[in-house]
Amino acid sequence: MQTLKQTIQQAQENKTALGHFNIANLEMLKGVFLAVQEKSKSTGASIPVIIGLSESERKYIGAKQAVAFIKNLRTETDYPIFINADHCHSHASALEAAEAGFDALVIDNSKFSLAENIAATKKTVSQIKENYPDILTEGEIGFIGGSSKLLDEIPANAKITDEQMTTPEEAAKFVRETGVDLLAPAVGNLHGVLKSSPNPCLNISRIKELAAVVATPLVLHGGSGISDDDIKEAVAAGMAVVHISTDLRVAYRSALQELSGNFFQNNPDEFAPYKIMEPVITAVQKAVAKKLNLFS
């Protein structure tokens, strides 16, 4: 089986993308895994997938427990499923994730100035590479908001205008000085989904410019609120990994609401949790399946 690094590099070369789906519990993981397995059956080839856990999600599930579960699943099924420690907001958080055995981790210093971001990210990357050379490191440049939820408005400090987006010069400098394996730039994307209007459009031309000057694979964060056409164009322009979180949470919550309204009334004698939660798993599976169709 290919390593995660090899898998992402292949996606980059083929102008396709790996789906990165955040989970918070077993039901979400089952939904993701069922979707990629179903997609693999239809294509005749295994569709690699990355499971992401934010700091809060790692705290809820347990970092080492999540790693053990995913790696055991990978071994038992011989399936290319990987695990990423999403948004490590401190040096200590990144080291904790590395020690737990994640395949990759995101070093998120994007709220800082470029110089501060480079200095902090370089420090963490250096220590990770020295002690955990097989773990991929990802850096973020350009703050795009910090929460996978439904938003009333765009955060005031989110970098979504052309003037605020990551420039080719900034990207090249960041990669050169930090040594990251992956780069998540600000290209009009936004964490979370706006309630009353579509999320801003991506700057596809900027993505092409970044891909032309940076050999490091690019990662698109905030994929939930982006239109299908924009995601397709972003992948074709050079995004090798696409992060999805909020859409899965919305699907999960909507299915739970339907359960409380219909399932319990229609199934008053059902008490087995794994049967009760089947509609939730199916809802997540459908949300993931829709996204997978956009990545290749």
Protein backbone atom coordinates (compact mmCIF):
# COMPACT_ATOMS: atom_id res chain seq x y z
CA MET A 1 0.00 0.00 0.00
CA GLN A 2 1.21 3.51 -0.79
CA THR A 3 2.08 5.88 2.02
CA LEU A 4 -0.04 8.99 2.53
CA LYS A 5 2.75 11.10 1.05
CA GLN A 6 2.85 8.96 -2.10
CA THR A 7 -0.93 8.98 -2.34
CA ILE A 8 -1.15 12.78 -2.16
CA GLN A 9 1.68 13.19 -4.65
CA GLN A 10 -0.14 10.91 -7.07
CA ALA A 11 -3.32 12.95 -6.66
CA GLN A 12 -1.33 16.11 -7.31
CA GLU A 13 0.14 14.66 -10.51
CA ASN A 14 -3.25 13.39 -11.72
CA LYS A 15 -5.11 16.62 -10.90
CA THR A 16 -7.41 14.76 -8.53
CA ALA A 17 -7.88 15.19 -4.77
CA LEU A 18 -8.16 13.14 -1.61
CA GLY A 19 -11.19 13.75 0.52
CA HIS A 20 -10.40 14.76 4.11
CA PHE A 21 -13.47 14.25 6.32
CA ASN A 22 -13.61 15.28 9.97
CA ILE A 23 -15.34 12.97 12.41
CA ALA A 24 -16.40 13.24 16.05
CA ASN A 25 -17.63 9.72 16.75
CA LEU A 26 -17.99 6.17 15.42
CA GLU A 27 -21.17 6.88 13.47
CA MET A 28 -19.43 9.56 11.42
CA LEU A 29 -16.46 7.29 10.77
CA LYS A 30 -18.75 4.48 9.61
CA GLY A 31 -20.56 6.88 7.29
CA VAL A 32 -17.30 8.05 5.71
CA PHE A 33 -15.86 4.57 5.35
CA LEU A 34 -19.05 3.14 3.84
CA ALA A 35 -19.10 5.96 1.28
CA VAL A 36 -15.51 5.43 0.11
CA GLN A 37 -15.95 1.67 -0.01
CA GLU A 38 -19.09 2.05 -2.13
CA LYS A 39 -17.30 4.47 -4.43
CA SER A 40 -14.39 2.06 -4.72
CA LYS A 41 -16.73 -0.75 -5.81
CA SER A 42 -18.16 1.41 -8.58
CA THR A 43 -14.75 2.51 -9.87
CA GLY A 44 -12.93 -0.79 -9.42
CA ALA A 45 -10.12 0.83 -7.40
CA SER A 46 -9.71 1.82 -3.76
CA ILE A 47 -10.48 5.49 -3.14
CA PRO A 48 -7.98 6.79 -0.54
CA VAL A 49 -9.45 8.86 2.27
CA ILE A 50 -8.16 10.95 5.16
CA ILE A 51 -10.00 11.04 8.48
CA GLY A 52 -9.50 14.34 10.29
CA LEU A 53 -9.89 15.21 13.95
CA SER A 54 -9.65 18.75 15.30
CA GLU A 55 -8.26 19.42 18.78
CA SER A 56 -11.78 19.29 20.23
CA GLU A 57 -12.61 16.10 18.35
CA ARG A 58 -9.37 14.50 19.53
CA LYS A 59 -10.19 15.49 23.09
CA TYR A 60 -13.64 13.95 22.81
CA ILE A 61 -12.59 10.66 21.19
CA GLY A 62 -9.05 10.37 22.50
CA ALA A 63 -6.08 10.93 20.19
CA LYS A 64 -4.40 7.57 20.76
CA GLN A 65 -7.72 5.74 20.62
CA ALA A 66 -8.59 7.35 17.27
CA VAL A 67 -5.18 6.52 15.82
CA ALA A 68 -5.40 2.91 17.01
CA PHE A 69 -8.87 2.54 15.53
CA ILE A 70 -7.97 3.95 12.10
CA LYS A 71 -4.66 2.11 11.80
CA ASN A 72 -6.26 -1.15 12.85
CA LEU A 73 -9.03 -0.57 10.29
CA ARG A 74 -6.38 0.06 7.64
CA THR A 75 -4.55 -3.15 8.52
CA GLU A 76 -7.60 -5.37 8.76
CA THR A 77 -9.22 -4.16 5.55
CA ASP A 78 -6.02 -3.38 3.61
CA TYR A 79 -7.68 -0.10 2.68
CA PRO A 80 -5.89 3.29 2.19
CA ILE A 81 -7.53 5.13 5.06
CA PHE A 82 -5.32 7.65 6.88
CA ILE A 83 -5.67 9.90 9.93
CA ASN A 84 -4.79 13.58 10.29
CA ALA A 85 -4.56 15.76 13.40
CA ASP A 86 -6.39 18.81 12.08
CA HIS A 87 -5.62 22.34 13.30
CA CYS A 88 -2.95 21.97 15.97
CA HIS A 89 -3.01 25.49 17.41
CA SER A 90 0.16 25.16 19.47
CA HIS A 91 3.55 23.52 19.43
CA ALA A 92 2.49 21.26 22.30
CA SER A 93 -0.66 20.18 20.48
CA ALA A 94 1.32 19.19 17.39
CA LEU A 95 3.83 17.20 19.43
CA GLU A 96 1.02 15.43 21.26
CA ALA A 97 -0.51 14.41 17.94
CA ALA A 98 2.84 13.22 16.63
CA GLU A 99 3.42 11.14 19.74
CA ALA A 100 -0.06 9.62 19.35
CA GLY A 101 0.94 8.36 15.90
CA PHE A 102 -1.12 10.40 13.42
CA ASP A 103 -0.15 10.01 9.77
CA ALA A 104 -0.19 13.79 9.33
CA LEU A 105 -0.86 16.95 11.31
CA VAL A 106 -1.83 20.53 10.57
CA ILE A 107 0.26 23.20 12.25
CA ASP A 108 -2.14 26.13 12.38
CA ASN A 109 -0.47 29.44 13.12
CA SER A 110 -2.56 31.25 10.52
CA LYS A 111 -3.82 33.93 12.94
CA PHE A 112 -0.30 35.29 13.27
CA SER A 113 1.58 37.59 10.92
CA LEU A 114 3.50 35.88 8.12
CA ALA A 115 6.82 36.28 9.93
CA GLU A 116 5.41 34.93 13.21
CA ASN A 117 3.65 32.11 11.38
CA ILE A 118 6.86 31.07 9.64
CA ALA A 119 8.92 31.15 12.83
CA ALA A 120 6.41 29.13 14.88
CA THR A 121 5.71 26.63 12.10
CA LYS A 122 9.41 26.13 11.36
CA LYS A 123 10.08 25.31 15.01
CA THR A 124 7.38 22.65 15.09
CA VAL A 125 8.22 21.16 11.68
CA SER A 126 11.88 20.87 12.64
CA GLN A 127 11.11 18.94 15.81
CA ILE A 128 8.55 16.71 14.12
CA LYS A 129 10.93 15.84 11.28
CA GLU A 130 13.73 15.08 13.70
CA ASN A 131 11.70 12.76 15.92
CA TYR A 132 8.84 11.56 13.68
CA PRO A 133 10.18 11.63 10.11
CA ASP A 134 7.27 9.66 8.61
CA ILE A 135 4.59 12.13 9.71
CA LEU A 136 3.48 14.69 7.13
CA THR A 137 3.36 18.30 8.28
CA GLU A 138 0.95 20.88 6.90
CA GLY A 139 1.11 24.62 7.36
CA GLU A 140 -1.60 27.26 6.95
CA ILE A 141 -1.11 30.72 5.58
CA GLY A 142 -3.87 33.32 5.62
CA PHE A 143 -6.58 33.10 8.28
CA ILE A 144 -9.89 31.76 6.90
CA GLY A 145 -11.91 31.55 10.11
CA GLY A 146 -11.68 28.96 12.83
CA SER A 147 -14.93 27.05 13.28
CA SER A 148 -16.77 24.31 11.37
CA LYS A 149 -20.29 25.57 12.00
CA LEU A 150 -23.11 27.57 10.45
CA LEU A 151 -22.19 31.25 10.42
CA ASP A 152 -24.32 34.38 10.58
CA GLU A 153 -21.64 36.35 8.78
CA ILE A 154 -18.08 36.14 7.52
CA PRO A 155 -15.53 36.65 10.34
CA ALA A 156 -14.15 40.18 10.16
CA ASN A 157 -10.53 39.01 9.98
CA ALA A 158 -11.02 36.23 7.42
CA LYS A 159 -8.75 36.60 4.38
CA ILE A 160 -11.26 36.24 1.55
CA THR A 161 -10.69 39.27 -0.69
CA ASP A 162 -8.18 39.14 -3.54
CA GLU A 163 -5.91 41.59 -1.73
CA GLN A 164 -5.88 39.46 1.44
CA MET A 165 -5.42 36.05 -0.17
CA THR A 166 -2.15 34.15 -0.12
CA THR A 167 0.21 35.40 -2.81
CA PRO A 168 2.64 33.22 -4.79
CA GLU A 169 5.53 35.07 -3.13
CA GLU A 170 4.17 34.40 0.36
CA ALA A 171 3.52 30.73 -0.43
CA ALA A 172 7.00 30.18 -1.84
CA LYS A 173 8.64 31.91 1.11
CA PHE A 174 6.53 29.98 3.63
CA VAL A 175 7.28 26.57 2.13
CA ARG A 176 10.97 27.33 1.66
CA GLU A 177 11.53 28.57 5.20
CA THR A 178 9.29 26.16 7.14
CA GLY A 179 9.87 22.90 5.28
CA VAL A 180 6.20 21.82 5.43
CA ASP A 181 5.05 18.86 3.34
CA LEU A 182 1.64 20.37 2.56
CA LEU A 183 0.34 23.93 2.29
CA ALA A 184 -3.17 25.23 3.04
CA PRO A 185 -3.50 28.73 1.52
CA ALA A 186 -6.23 31.35 1.68
CA VAL A 187 -7.82 31.49 -1.78
CA GLY A 188 -11.32 32.75 -0.97
CA ASN A 189 -12.24 29.74 1.16
CA LEU A 190 -13.81 29.96 4.59
CA HIS A 191 -14.21 27.58 7.52
CA GLY A 192 -17.90 27.02 8.20
CA VAL A 193 -20.99 27.64 6.09
CA LEU A 194 -22.95 30.88 5.89
CA LYS A 195 -26.61 30.49 6.91
CA SER A 196 -28.30 32.98 4.62
CA SER A 197 -26.07 33.20 1.55
CA PRO A 198 -23.59 31.12 -0.44
CA ASN A 199 -19.98 31.14 0.71
CA PRO A 200 -17.62 33.37 -1.29
CA CYS A 201 -16.34 32.04 -4.60
CA LEU A 202 -12.80 30.70 -4.79
CA ASN A 203 -10.11 32.51 -6.73
CA ILE A 204 -9.23 29.73 -9.17
CA SER A 205 -6.61 31.86 -10.91
CA ARG A 206 -4.81 32.33 -7.59
CA ILE A 207 -4.79 28.57 -7.00
CA LYS A 208 -3.17 28.06 -10.40
CA GLU A 209 -0.58 30.72 -9.59
CA LEU A 210 0.27 29.06 -6.27
CA ALA A 211 0.51 25.60 -7.85
CA ALA A 212 2.88 27.00 -10.46
CA VAL A 213 5.42 28.28 -7.93
CA VAL A 214 5.07 25.75 -5.09
CA ALA A 215 5.91 22.09 -5.65
CA THR A 216 4.40 21.23 -2.27
CA PRO A 217 0.84 19.80 -2.61
CA LEU A 218 -1.92 22.29 -1.84
CA VAL A 219 -4.79 21.64 0.59
CA LEU A 220 -8.20 23.29 0.40
CA HIS A 221 -9.78 23.95 3.80
CA GLY A 222 -13.42 24.95 4.28
CA GLY A 223 -14.73 22.73 1.49
CA SER A 224 -18.24 22.46 2.95
CA GLY A 225 -19.48 25.87 1.90
CA ILE A 226 -17.93 25.86 -1.56
CA SER A 227 -20.03 25.30 -4.69
CA ASP A 228 -19.59 22.02 -6.57
CA ASP A 229 -18.23 23.80 -9.64
CA ASP A 230 -15.68 25.70 -7.57
CA ILE A 231 -14.45 22.50 -5.93
CA LYS A 232 -14.07 20.80 -9.30
CA GLU A 233 -12.16 23.77 -10.68
CA ALA A 234 -10.00 24.02 -7.55
CA VAL A 235 -8.99 20.37 -7.84
CA ALA A 236 -8.21 20.78 -11.53
CA ALA A 237 -6.16 23.88 -10.67
CA GLY A 238 -3.98 22.05 -8.16
CA MET A 239 -5.72 21.32 -4.85
CA ALA A 240 -4.62 17.79 -3.90
CA VAL A 241 -6.63 17.46 -0.65
CA VAL A 242 -10.06 18.91 0.18
CA HIS A 243 -11.29 19.28 3.79
CA ILE A 244 -14.96 18.68 4.60
CA SER A 245 -16.42 19.05 8.09
CA THR A 246 -19.47 21.29 8.46
CA ASP A 247 -21.53 19.48 5.81
CA LEU A 248 -21.10 16.22 7.71
CA ARG A 249 -22.16 17.89 10.96
CA VAL A 250 -25.25 19.33 9.29
CA ALA A 251 -26.15 15.93 7.83
CA TYR A 252 -25.64 14.30 11.23
CA ARG A 253 -27.79 16.84 13.07
CA SER A 254 -30.58 16.76 10.47
CA ALA A 255 -30.77 12.96 10.71
CA LEU A 256 -30.94 13.18 14.50
CA GLN A 257 -33.81 15.64 14.26
CA GLU A 258 -35.69 13.26 11.98
CA LEU A 259 -35.02 10.43 14.42
CA SER A 260 -36.58 12.35 17.28
CA GLY A 261 -39.59 13.22 15.16
CA ASN A 262 -40.28 9.95 13.33
CA PHE A 263 -38.10 7.01 14.27
CA PHE A 264 -39.00 6.78 17.94
CA GLN A 265 -42.70 7.14 17.21
CA ASN A 266 -42.59 4.42 14.55
CA ASN A 267 -40.26 2.16 16.52
CA PRO A 268 -41.33 2.43 20.17
CA ASP A 269 -39.76 -0.92 21.10
CA GLU A 270 -36.32 -0.34 19.54
CA PHE A 271 -33.55 0.24 22.07
CA ALA A 272 -30.39 -0.98 20.29
CA PRO A 273 -28.17 2.09 19.68
CA TYR A 274 -26.56 0.61 16.57
CA LYS A 275 -30.00 0.22 14.99
CA ILE A 276 -31.28 3.58 16.14
CA MET A 277 -28.25 5.36 14.64
CA GLU A 278 -28.44 3.71 11.21
CA PRO A 279 -30.23 6.72 9.61
CA VAL A 280 -27.51 9.02 10.95
CA ILE A 281 -24.76 6.87 9.45
CA THR A 282 -26.63 6.80 6.14
CA ALA A 283 -26.99 10.60 6.14
CA VAL A 284 -23.25 11.07 6.65
CA GLN A 285 -22.54 8.45 4.00
CA LYS A 286 -24.68 10.30 1.45
CA ALA A 287 -22.99 13.63 2.25
CA VAL A 288 -19.55 12.08 1.76
CA ALA A 289 -20.56 10.30 -1.45
CA LYS A 290 -21.69 13.60 -2.96
CA LYS A 291 -18.31 15.19 -2.23
CA LEU A 292 -16.30 12.23 -3.53
CA ASN A 293 -17.85 12.72 -6.96
CA LEU A 294 -16.23 16.16 -7.14
CA PHE A 295 -12.65 15.11 -6.44
CA SER A 296 -11.75 13.24 -9.62
